[in-house]
Amino acid sequence: MKRLIVLLPRFFVAMLLISATCQSAFAVGVVSPPVVGAFVSSAFGARVHPTTGATDFHAGVDYAAPMNAPVKAIAAGRVTRASWKGLLGNTVEITHPNGDLSMYGHLNKMMVRVGQNVSTKTVIGLVGSTGRSTGPHLHLTIKRRGGYLDPIAYLGNPVNSRSIAIASRRSGNSKNVLVASSSAGKKSTASKKSAGAVSLIAKAPAIKAPPKPSATELASAKSAYEKLAKEADIFKALFEEGAISKNDAEQKQLAAHTALKHWESLRS
C-alpha cells in the first residue's frame, strides 16, 4: 500500500508530461476562426454579388467585423503573399504544412511579410474595406490542390487539424514549418491521409473571371464618390461649427472613403 502511494504521484506526473508532449506536437495543427466576434455576411456558394448585382459563385466566406479588428491565421503556416491583389485589395496568403492555402482579403493593413512563419496566435492583418468592397469585412478563401473549400465546413472539421499537424511533424521541426510540395502528379503522405476530408467539404465549380465594369458602372461609381466627398466636406464644416456630432462627420468621411476605394477598384 505504501509503495502504491509513492508511485501514484509519479504516475500522474508522467501522464502530464505525455499530455504536454501530445499537445505541443499537435499545436501546429489547430484550426481557428480568423476574426473573433464577427458574423458571416456572405456564405460560400452561389449568391447575388453585392456590388455588381450579378449571380456568381462566392469562393469563400465574408466575415463582417469592425474596421481594424485583428485578423489571425486559421492555422500554422508560412506567408507566401502579402500585397495588393486586385479586387481583394490588401491580401495575405498562407500556405499550411499539408499544402492547403488560406487567403485573407480586403485588409486595411497587413502585419506580416512573405516568408514569415505564423501560428493561430499571430495577427496577420486588420479588417478593412480595400479592393471591391461595400464595407469593413474579411474575405476568407481556402484552397486545396486547386479546388475551393467551404471555410465554415473546413474550420469545423477536425480532420484538417490532424492533417496539418501530421505534415508539420513530418517536417521534423515545428518551429520552422516546412511547406509540403504541391507539384502535379505527386502527393505527400500527409495529403493522402487527409484525402478523406475533401469528400466532407463542398468543392466549388470552375470560376469564371469577373466581367470588366462597364462605362456606365464606372461613371456611377465616380458620381457616387464625388457626391459623398462634397457631403463629407459639408459635414466637416458643420462639425467645426458645433452643429453636428463628431461621429456623424466621421461616418460621412468613412462613406466617402469607401466609395473612393470602390471607384478605384473598378478602374484597376
C-alpha atoms as a PDB file:
ATOM      1  CA  MET A   1       0.000   0.000   0.000  1.00  0.00           C
ATOM      2  CA  LYS A   2       2.792   2.403   0.921  1.00  0.00           C
ATOM      3  CA  ARG A   3       4.538   1.611  -2.372  1.00  0.00           C
ATOM      4  CA  LEU A   4       1.321   2.373  -4.274  1.00  0.00           C
ATOM      5  CA  ILE A   5       1.020   5.751  -2.546  1.00  0.00           C
ATOM      6  CA  VAL A   6       4.601   6.576  -3.554  1.00  0.00           C
ATOM      7  CA  LEU A   7       4.066   5.509  -7.187  1.00  0.00           C
ATOM      8  CA  LEU A   8       0.777   7.374  -7.749  1.00  0.00           C
ATOM      9  CA  PRO A   9       2.299  10.908  -7.824  1.00  0.00           C
ATOM     10  CA  ARG A  10       4.960   9.703 -10.267  1.00  0.00           C
ATOM     11  CA  PHE A  11       2.241   8.189 -12.476  1.00  0.00           C
ATOM     12  CA  PHE A  12       0.297  11.467 -12.611  1.00  0.00           C
ATOM     13  CA  VAL A  13       3.475  13.427 -13.377  1.00  0.00           C
ATOM     14  CA  ALA A  14       4.246  11.035 -16.229  1.00  0.00           C
ATOM     15  CA  MET A  15       0.722  11.414 -17.623  1.00  0.00           C
ATOM     16  CA  LEU A  16       1.010  15.199 -17.511  1.00  0.00           C
ATOM     17  CA  LEU A  17       4.307  15.075 -19.399  1.00  0.00           C
ATOM     18  CA  ILE A  18       2.801  12.790 -22.057  1.00  0.00           C
ATOM     19  CA  SER A  19      -0.205  15.111 -22.368  1.00  0.00           C
ATOM     20  CA  ALA A  20       2.015  18.179 -22.749  1.00  0.00           C
ATOM     21  CA  THR A  21       4.078  16.410 -25.423  1.00  0.00           C
ATOM     22  CA  CYS A  22       0.963  15.473 -27.409  1.00  0.00           C
ATOM     23  CA  GLN A  23      -0.392  18.992 -27.180  1.00  0.00           C
ATOM     24  CA  SER A  24       2.869  20.522 -28.397  1.00  0.00           C
ATOM     25  CA  ALA A  25       3.030  18.004 -31.254  1.00  0.00           C
ATOM     26  CA  PHE A  26      -0.445  18.949 -32.416  1.00  0.00           C
ATOM     27  CA  ALA A  27      -0.226  22.670 -31.565  1.00  0.00           C
ATOM     28  CA  VAL A  28       0.620  23.486 -35.183  1.00  0.00           C
ATOM     29  CA  GLY A  29      -2.472  21.556 -36.256  1.00  0.00           C
ATOM     30  CA  VAL A  30      -5.049  23.735 -34.522  1.00  0.00           C
ATOM     31  CA  VAL A  31      -7.604  25.350 -36.854  1.00  0.00           C
ATOM     32  CA  SER A  32      -9.330  28.507 -35.555  1.00  0.00           C
ATOM     33  CA  PRO A  33     -11.723  31.224 -36.808  1.00  0.00           C
ATOM     34  CA  PRO A  34      -9.823  34.227 -38.224  1.00  0.00           C
ATOM     35  CA  VAL A  35     -11.837  37.018 -36.525  1.00  0.00           C
ATOM     36  CA  VAL A  36     -13.341  36.887 -33.035  1.00  0.00           C
ATOM     37  CA  GLY A  37     -16.891  38.211 -32.685  1.00  0.00           C
ATOM     38  CA  ALA A  38     -17.524  38.559 -36.443  1.00  0.00           C
ATOM     39  CA  PHE A  39     -20.631  37.247 -38.222  1.00  0.00           C
ATOM     40  CA  VAL A  40     -20.932  35.692 -41.684  1.00  0.00           C
ATOM     41  CA  SER A  41     -22.341  38.313 -44.062  1.00  0.00           C
ATOM     42  CA  SER A  42     -21.907  36.242 -47.233  1.00  0.00           C
ATOM     43  CA  ALA A  43     -21.554  32.453 -47.255  1.00  0.00           C
ATOM     44  CA  PHE A  44     -19.719  30.078 -49.597  1.00  0.00           C
ATOM     45  CA  GLY A  45     -21.534  29.237 -52.852  1.00  0.00           C
ATOM     46  CA  ALA A  46     -23.902  30.858 -55.336  1.00  0.00           C
ATOM     47  CA  ARG A  47     -25.042  34.393 -54.496  1.00  0.00           C
ATOM     48  CA  VAL A  48     -26.044  37.753 -55.941  1.00  0.00           C
ATOM     49  CA  HIS A  49     -22.921  39.949 -55.937  1.00  0.00           C
ATOM     50  CA  PRO A  50     -23.418  42.953 -53.603  1.00  0.00           C
ATOM     51  CA  THR A  51     -21.744  45.453 -55.957  1.00  0.00           C
ATOM     52  CA  THR A  52     -22.431  44.144 -59.482  1.00  0.00           C
ATOM     53  CA  GLY A  53     -25.868  42.621 -58.840  1.00  0.00           C
ATOM     54  CA  ALA A  54     -24.908  39.615 -60.982  1.00  0.00           C
ATOM     55  CA  THR A  55     -25.258  35.994 -59.889  1.00  0.00           C
ATOM     56  CA  ASP A  56     -21.842  34.467 -59.281  1.00  0.00           C
ATOM     57  CA  PHE A  57     -20.054  31.830 -57.218  1.00  0.00           C
ATOM     58  CA  HIS A  58     -18.595  33.094 -53.952  1.00  0.00           C
ATOM     59  CA  ALA A  59     -15.358  31.140 -53.498  1.00  0.00           C
ATOM     60  CA  GLY A  60     -15.043  31.995 -49.814  1.00  0.00           C
ATOM     61  CA  VAL A  61     -16.799  33.470 -46.795  1.00  0.00           C
ATOM     62  CA  ASP A  62     -17.191  37.127 -45.799  1.00  0.00           C
ATOM     63  CA  TYR A  63     -16.932  37.969 -42.100  1.00  0.00           C
ATOM     64  CA  ALA A  64     -18.443  41.347 -41.199  1.00  0.00           C
ATOM     65  CA  ALA A  65     -16.385  42.956 -38.434  1.00  0.00           C
ATOM     66  CA  PRO A  66     -15.419  46.418 -37.174  1.00  0.00           C
ATOM     67  CA  MET A  67     -12.725  48.323 -39.044  1.00  0.00           C
ATOM     68  CA  ASN A  68      -9.224  47.380 -37.825  1.00  0.00           C
ATOM     69  CA  ALA A  69     -10.406  44.296 -35.906  1.00  0.00           C
ATOM     70  CA  PRO A  70      -7.417  41.886 -35.619  1.00  0.00           C
ATOM     71  CA  VAL A  71      -7.249  39.028 -38.122  1.00  0.00           C
ATOM     72  CA  LYS A  72      -5.360  35.857 -37.154  1.00  0.00           C
ATOM     73  CA  ALA A  73      -4.166  32.889 -39.223  1.00  0.00           C
ATOM     74  CA  ILE A  74      -6.608  29.970 -39.175  1.00  0.00           C
ATOM     75  CA  ALA A  75      -3.674  27.539 -38.748  1.00  0.00           C
ATOM     76  CA  ALA A  76       0.117  27.461 -38.595  1.00  0.00           C
ATOM     77  CA  GLY A  77       1.930  28.009 -41.883  1.00  0.00           C
ATOM     78  CA  ARG A  78       4.191  30.256 -43.916  1.00  0.00           C
ATOM     79  CA  VAL A  79       3.198  33.575 -45.513  1.00  0.00           C
ATOM     80  CA  THR A  80       3.505  33.248 -49.300  1.00  0.00           C
ATOM     81  CA  ARG A  81       1.872  36.574 -50.210  1.00  0.00           C
ATOM     82  CA  ALA A  82       1.335  39.921 -48.502  1.00  0.00           C
ATOM     83  CA  SER A  83       0.393  42.517 -51.110  1.00  0.00           C
ATOM     84  CA  TRP A  84      -2.412  44.146 -53.095  1.00  0.00           C
ATOM     85  CA  LYS A  85      -4.460  41.612 -55.107  1.00  0.00           C
ATOM     86  CA  GLY A  86      -6.875  43.373 -57.466  1.00  0.00           C
ATOM     87  CA  LEU A  87     -10.494  43.289 -56.292  1.00  0.00           C
ATOM     88  CA  LEU A  88      -9.469  41.663 -52.989  1.00  0.00           C
ATOM     89  CA  GLY A  89      -7.347  44.696 -52.063  1.00  0.00           C
ATOM     90  CA  ASN A  90      -4.669  44.088 -49.426  1.00  0.00           C
ATOM     91  CA  THR A  91      -4.347  40.301 -49.250  1.00  0.00           C
ATOM     92  CA  VAL A  92      -2.325  37.848 -47.161  1.00  0.00           C
ATOM     93  CA  GLU A  93      -1.912  34.236 -48.302  1.00  0.00           C
ATOM     94  CA  ILE A  94      -0.634  31.462 -46.029  1.00  0.00           C
ATOM     95  CA  THR A  95       0.473  28.023 -47.197  1.00  0.00           C
ATOM     96  CA  HIS A  96      -0.024  25.387 -44.500  1.00  0.00           C
ATOM     97  CA  PRO A  97       2.184  22.314 -43.903  1.00  0.00           C
ATOM     98  CA  ASN A  98      -0.258  19.946 -45.640  1.00  0.00           C
ATOM     99  CA  GLY A  99      -0.336  22.107 -48.773  1.00  0.00           C
ATOM    100  CA  ASP A 100      -3.662  23.875 -48.057  1.00  0.00           C
ATOM    101  CA  LEU A 101      -3.780  27.609 -48.819  1.00  0.00           C
ATOM    102  CA  SER A 102      -5.743  30.216 -46.855  1.00  0.00           C
ATOM    103  CA  MET A 103      -6.306  33.707 -48.263  1.00  0.00           C
ATOM    104  CA  TYR A 104      -7.372  36.813 -46.295  1.00  0.00           C
ATOM    105  CA  GLY A 105      -8.676  39.734 -48.379  1.00  0.00           C
ATOM    106  CA  HIS A 106      -9.806  43.379 -48.049  1.00  0.00           C
ATOM    107  CA  LEU A 107      -7.379  44.031 -45.171  1.00  0.00           C
ATOM    108  CA  ASN A 108      -6.903  47.612 -44.049  1.00  0.00           C
ATOM    109  CA  LYS A 109      -3.347  46.799 -43.002  1.00  0.00           C
ATOM    110  CA  MET A 110      -1.059  43.776 -43.455  1.00  0.00           C
ATOM    111  CA  MET A 111       1.027  42.858 -40.399  1.00  0.00           C
ATOM    112  CA  VAL A 112       3.245  40.076 -41.810  1.00  0.00           C
ATOM    113  CA  ARG A 113       5.825  39.631 -44.552  1.00  0.00           C
ATOM    114  CA  VAL A 114       6.443  36.934 -47.161  1.00  0.00           C
ATOM    115  CA  GLY A 115       8.438  34.020 -45.745  1.00  0.00           C
ATOM    116  CA  GLN A 116       7.304  34.592 -42.163  1.00  0.00           C
ATOM    117  CA  ASN A 117       6.125  31.571 -40.146  1.00  0.00           C
ATOM    118  CA  VAL A 118       2.829  32.180 -38.326  1.00  0.00           C
ATOM    119  CA  SER A 119       0.532  30.407 -35.860  1.00  0.00           C
ATOM    120  CA  THR A 120      -3.091  30.826 -34.823  1.00  0.00           C
ATOM    121  CA  LYS A 121      -1.900  33.449 -32.313  1.00  0.00           C
ATOM    122  CA  THR A 122      -0.287  35.623 -34.996  1.00  0.00           C
ATOM    123  CA  VAL A 123      -2.161  38.787 -36.008  1.00  0.00           C
ATOM    124  CA  ILE A 124      -1.594  38.832 -39.769  1.00  0.00           C
ATOM    125  CA  GLY A 125      -3.607  41.979 -40.520  1.00  0.00           C
ATOM    126  CA  LEU A 126      -6.508  44.292 -39.662  1.00  0.00           C
ATOM    127  CA  VAL A 127     -10.044  44.155 -41.046  1.00  0.00           C
ATOM    128  CA  GLY A 128     -10.607  46.730 -43.761  1.00  0.00           C
ATOM    129  CA  SER A 129     -12.533  47.584 -46.915  1.00  0.00           C
ATOM    130  CA  THR A 130      -9.815  47.696 -49.584  1.00  0.00           C
ATOM    131  CA  GLY A 131     -10.437  46.498 -53.128  1.00  0.00           C
ATOM    132  CA  ARG A 132     -14.022  45.994 -54.290  1.00  0.00           C
ATOM    133  CA  SER A 133     -15.925  46.154 -51.016  1.00  0.00           C
ATOM    134  CA  THR A 134     -19.133  47.602 -49.606  1.00  0.00           C
ATOM    135  CA  GLY A 135     -17.836  47.966 -46.042  1.00  0.00           C
ATOM    136  CA  PRO A 136     -15.393  46.614 -43.444  1.00  0.00           C
ATOM    137  CA  HIS A 137     -15.157  42.820 -43.617  1.00  0.00           C
ATOM    138  CA  LEU A 138     -12.734  39.927 -44.077  1.00  0.00           C
ATOM    139  CA  HIS A 139     -12.928  37.648 -47.113  1.00  0.00           C
ATOM    140  CA  LEU A 140     -11.524  34.177 -46.339  1.00  0.00           C
ATOM    141  CA  THR A 141     -10.763  31.685 -49.115  1.00  0.00           C
ATOM    142  CA  ILE A 142      -9.344  28.177 -48.606  1.00  0.00           C
ATOM    143  CA  LYS A 143      -7.872  26.118 -51.444  1.00  0.00           C
ATOM    144  CA  ARG A 144      -6.723  22.511 -51.602  1.00  0.00           C
ATOM    145  CA  ARG A 145      -4.996  21.138 -54.702  1.00  0.00           C
ATOM    146  CA  GLY A 146      -6.629  23.773 -56.912  1.00  0.00           C
ATOM    147  CA  GLY A 147     -10.150  23.322 -55.504  1.00  0.00           C
ATOM    148  CA  TYR A 148     -12.060  25.796 -53.351  1.00  0.00           C
ATOM    149  CA  LEU A 149     -13.306  24.571 -49.956  1.00  0.00           C
ATOM    150  CA  ASP A 150     -16.121  25.914 -47.787  1.00  0.00           C
ATOM    151  CA  PRO A 151     -14.304  27.741 -44.935  1.00  0.00           C
ATOM    152  CA  ILE A 152     -17.148  27.122 -42.456  1.00  0.00           C
ATOM    153  CA  ALA A 153     -17.001  23.350 -43.055  1.00  0.00           C
ATOM    154  CA  TYR A 154     -13.197  23.462 -43.067  1.00  0.00           C
ATOM    155  CA  LEU A 155     -12.954  25.177 -39.681  1.00  0.00           C
ATOM    156  CA  GLY A 156     -15.399  22.710 -38.150  1.00  0.00           C
ATOM    157  CA  ASN A 157     -13.692  19.560 -39.484  1.00  0.00           C
ATOM    158  CA  PRO A 158     -11.051  18.099 -37.087  1.00  0.00           C
ATOM    159  CA  VAL A 159      -9.573  16.070 -39.966  1.00  0.00           C
ATOM    160  CA  ASN A 160      -7.967  19.272 -41.271  1.00  0.00           C
ATOM    161  CA  SER A 161      -6.266  19.964 -37.928  1.00  0.00           C
ATOM    162  CA  ARG A 162      -4.809  16.443 -37.855  1.00  0.00           C
ATOM    163  CA  SER A 163      -3.650  16.727 -41.457  1.00  0.00           C
ATOM    164  CA  ILE A 164      -1.760  19.959 -40.742  1.00  0.00           C
ATOM    165  CA  ALA A 165      -0.291  18.514 -37.532  1.00  0.00           C
ATOM    166  CA  ILE A 166       0.897  15.314 -39.266  1.00  0.00           C
ATOM    167  CA  ALA A 167       2.543  17.283 -42.082  1.00  0.00           C
ATOM    168  CA  SER A 168       4.227  19.584 -39.539  1.00  0.00           C
ATOM    169  CA  ARG A 169       5.634  16.684 -37.519  1.00  0.00           C
ATOM    170  CA  ARG A 170       6.958  15.029 -40.669  1.00  0.00           C
ATOM    171  CA  SER A 171       8.907  18.217 -41.403  1.00  0.00           C
ATOM    172  CA  GLY A 172      10.918  17.413 -38.258  1.00  0.00           C
ATOM    173  CA  ASN A 173      10.785  20.961 -36.908  1.00  0.00           C
ATOM    174  CA  SER A 174       7.509  22.597 -35.888  1.00  0.00           C
ATOM    175  CA  LYS A 175       9.297  25.896 -35.175  1.00  0.00           C
ATOM    176  CA  ASN A 176      10.416  26.197 -38.776  1.00  0.00           C
ATOM    177  CA  VAL A 177       7.378  24.911 -40.634  1.00  0.00           C
ATOM    178  CA  LEU A 178       8.262  23.355 -43.989  1.00  0.00           C
ATOM    179  CA  VAL A 179       5.522  23.603 -46.602  1.00  0.00           C
ATOM    180  CA  ALA A 180       4.535  20.348 -48.305  1.00  0.00           C
ATOM    181  CA  SER A 181       5.131  20.132 -52.065  1.00  0.00           C
ATOM    182  CA  SER A 182       2.024  20.531 -54.216  1.00  0.00           C
ATOM    183  CA  SER A 183       3.569  19.640 -57.613  1.00  0.00           C
ATOM    184  CA  ALA A 184       1.251  17.975 -60.122  1.00  0.00           C
ATOM    185  CA  GLY A 185       1.214  14.194 -60.103  1.00  0.00           C
ATOM    186  CA  LYS A 186       2.845  13.937 -56.643  1.00  0.00           C
ATOM    187  CA  LYS A 187       1.015  13.593 -53.349  1.00  0.00           C
ATOM    188  CA  SER A 188       2.633  13.676 -49.937  1.00  0.00           C
ATOM    189  CA  THR A 189       1.770  11.064 -47.313  1.00  0.00           C
ATOM    190  CA  ALA A 190       0.012  13.777 -45.327  1.00  0.00           C
ATOM    191  CA  SER A 191      -2.114  14.657 -48.359  1.00  0.00           C
ATOM    192  CA  LYS A 192      -3.103  11.009 -48.794  1.00  0.00           C
ATOM    193  CA  LYS A 193      -4.092  10.742 -45.138  1.00  0.00           C
ATOM    194  CA  SER A 194      -6.182  13.913 -45.381  1.00  0.00           C
ATOM    195  CA  ALA A 195      -7.816  12.970 -48.694  1.00  0.00           C
ATOM    196  CA  GLY A 196     -10.904  11.780 -46.833  1.00  0.00           C
ATOM    197  CA  ALA A 197     -11.550  15.322 -45.665  1.00  0.00           C
ATOM    198  CA  VAL A 198     -12.131  16.526 -49.228  1.00  0.00           C
ATOM    199  CA  SER A 199     -15.317  14.492 -49.574  1.00  0.00           C
ATOM    200  CA  LEU A 200     -16.687  16.144 -46.421  1.00  0.00           C
ATOM    201  CA  ILE A 201     -16.243  19.655 -47.793  1.00  0.00           C
ATOM    202  CA  ALA A 202     -18.011  21.183 -50.775  1.00  0.00           C
ATOM    203  CA  LYS A 203     -15.759  21.931 -53.751  1.00  0.00           C
ATOM    204  CA  ALA A 204     -16.564  24.855 -55.985  1.00  0.00           C
ATOM    205  CA  PRO A 205     -17.021  24.548 -59.727  1.00  0.00           C
ATOM    206  CA  ALA A 206     -14.677  26.349 -62.088  1.00  0.00           C
ATOM    207  CA  ILE A 207     -14.973  30.092 -61.531  1.00  0.00           C
ATOM    208  CA  LYS A 208     -15.144  32.489 -64.434  1.00  0.00           C
ATOM    209  CA  ALA A 209     -13.216  35.728 -64.248  1.00  0.00           C
ATOM    210  CA  PRO A 210     -15.500  38.597 -63.179  1.00  0.00           C
ATOM    211  CA  PRO A 211     -16.676  40.771 -66.082  1.00  0.00           C
ATOM    212  CA  LYS A 212     -14.954  44.090 -66.580  1.00  0.00           C
ATOM    213  CA  PRO A 213     -17.045  47.028 -65.310  1.00  0.00           C
ATOM    214  CA  SER A 214     -18.956  48.956 -67.955  1.00  0.00           C
ATOM    215  CA  ALA A 215     -18.514  52.649 -68.660  1.00  0.00           C
ATOM    216  CA  THR A 216     -21.889  53.248 -67.002  1.00  0.00           C
ATOM    217  CA  GLU A 217     -20.797  51.438 -63.825  1.00  0.00           C
ATOM    218  CA  LEU A 218     -17.559  53.418 -63.709  1.00  0.00           C
ATOM    219  CA  ALA A 219     -19.399  56.706 -64.189  1.00  0.00           C
ATOM    220  CA  SER A 220     -21.919  55.783 -61.498  1.00  0.00           C
ATOM    221  CA  ALA A 221     -19.159  54.895 -59.005  1.00  0.00           C
ATOM    222  CA  LYS A 222     -17.322  58.148 -59.751  1.00  0.00           C
ATOM    223  CA  SER A 223     -20.515  60.175 -59.355  1.00  0.00           C
ATOM    224  CA  ALA A 224     -21.328  58.459 -56.034  1.00  0.00           C
ATOM    225  CA  TYR A 225     -17.854  59.209 -54.705  1.00  0.00           C
ATOM    226  CA  GLU A 226     -17.918  62.876 -55.782  1.00  0.00           C
ATOM    227  CA  LYS A 227     -21.345  63.359 -54.169  1.00  0.00           C
ATOM    228  CA  LEU A 228     -20.230  61.768 -50.885  1.00  0.00           C
ATOM    229  CA  ALA A 229     -16.960  63.734 -50.915  1.00  0.00           C
ATOM    230  CA  LYS A 230     -18.899  67.021 -51.131  1.00  0.00           C
ATOM    231  CA  GLU A 231     -21.243  65.907 -48.361  1.00  0.00           C
ATOM    232  CA  ALA A 232     -18.228  64.920 -46.221  1.00  0.00           C
ATOM    233  CA  ASP A 233     -16.794  68.438 -46.618  1.00  0.00           C
ATOM    234  CA  ILE A 234     -20.139  69.939 -45.596  1.00  0.00           C
ATOM    235  CA  PHE A 235     -20.390  67.638 -42.563  1.00  0.00           C
ATOM    236  CA  LYS A 236     -16.855  68.552 -41.550  1.00  0.00           C
ATOM    237  CA  ALA A 237     -17.724  72.259 -41.636  1.00  0.00           C
ATOM    238  CA  LEU A 238     -20.928  71.648 -39.665  1.00  0.00           C
ATOM    239  CA  PHE A 239     -18.970  69.744 -37.020  1.00  0.00           C
ATOM    240  CA  GLU A 240     -16.436  72.563 -36.717  1.00  0.00           C
ATOM    241  CA  GLU A 241     -19.359  74.952 -36.184  1.00  0.00           C
ATOM    242  CA  GLY A 242     -20.789  72.675 -33.488  1.00  0.00           C
ATOM    243  CA  ALA A 243     -23.942  71.878 -35.471  1.00  0.00           C
ATOM    244  CA  ILE A 244     -23.435  68.100 -35.595  1.00  0.00           C
ATOM    245  CA  SER A 245     -21.518  65.467 -33.630  1.00  0.00           C
ATOM    246  CA  LYS A 246     -18.030  64.252 -34.426  1.00  0.00           C
ATOM    247  CA  ASN A 247     -19.402  60.750 -35.023  1.00  0.00           C
ATOM    248  CA  ASP A 248     -21.769  61.991 -37.762  1.00  0.00           C
ATOM    249  CA  ALA A 249     -18.897  63.755 -39.522  1.00  0.00           C
ATOM    250  CA  GLU A 250     -16.623  60.718 -39.279  1.00  0.00           C
ATOM    251  CA  GLN A 251     -19.325  58.380 -40.622  1.00  0.00           C
ATOM    252  CA  LYS A 252     -19.740  60.586 -43.684  1.00  0.00           C
ATOM    253  CA  GLN A 253     -15.944  60.679 -44.162  1.00  0.00           C
ATOM    254  CA  LEU A 254     -15.851  56.860 -43.961  1.00  0.00           C
ATOM    255  CA  ALA A 255     -18.643  56.561 -46.534  1.00  0.00           C
ATOM    256  CA  ALA A 256     -16.733  58.838 -48.917  1.00  0.00           C
ATOM    257  CA  HIS A 257     -13.522  56.859 -48.363  1.00  0.00           C
ATOM    258  CA  THR A 258     -15.316  53.563 -49.080  1.00  0.00           C
ATOM    259  CA  ALA A 259     -16.861  54.998 -52.263  1.00  0.00           C
ATOM    260  CA  LEU A 260     -13.424  56.181 -53.396  1.00  0.00           C
ATOM    261  CA  LYS A 261     -11.904  52.723 -52.847  1.00  0.00           C
ATOM    262  CA  HIS A 262     -14.777  51.144 -54.777  1.00  0.00           C
ATOM    263  CA  TRP A 263     -14.262  53.508 -57.709  1.00  0.00           C
ATOM    264  CA  GLU A 264     -10.513  52.845 -57.672  1.00  0.00           C
ATOM    265  CA  SER A 265     -11.052  49.074 -57.620  1.00  0.00           C
ATOM    266  CA  LEU A 266     -13.275  49.296 -60.701  1.00  0.00           C
ATOM    267  CA  ARG A 267     -10.600  51.254 -62.562  1.00  0.00           C
ATOM    268  CA  SER A 268      -7.789  48.830 -61.653  1.00  0.00           C
END
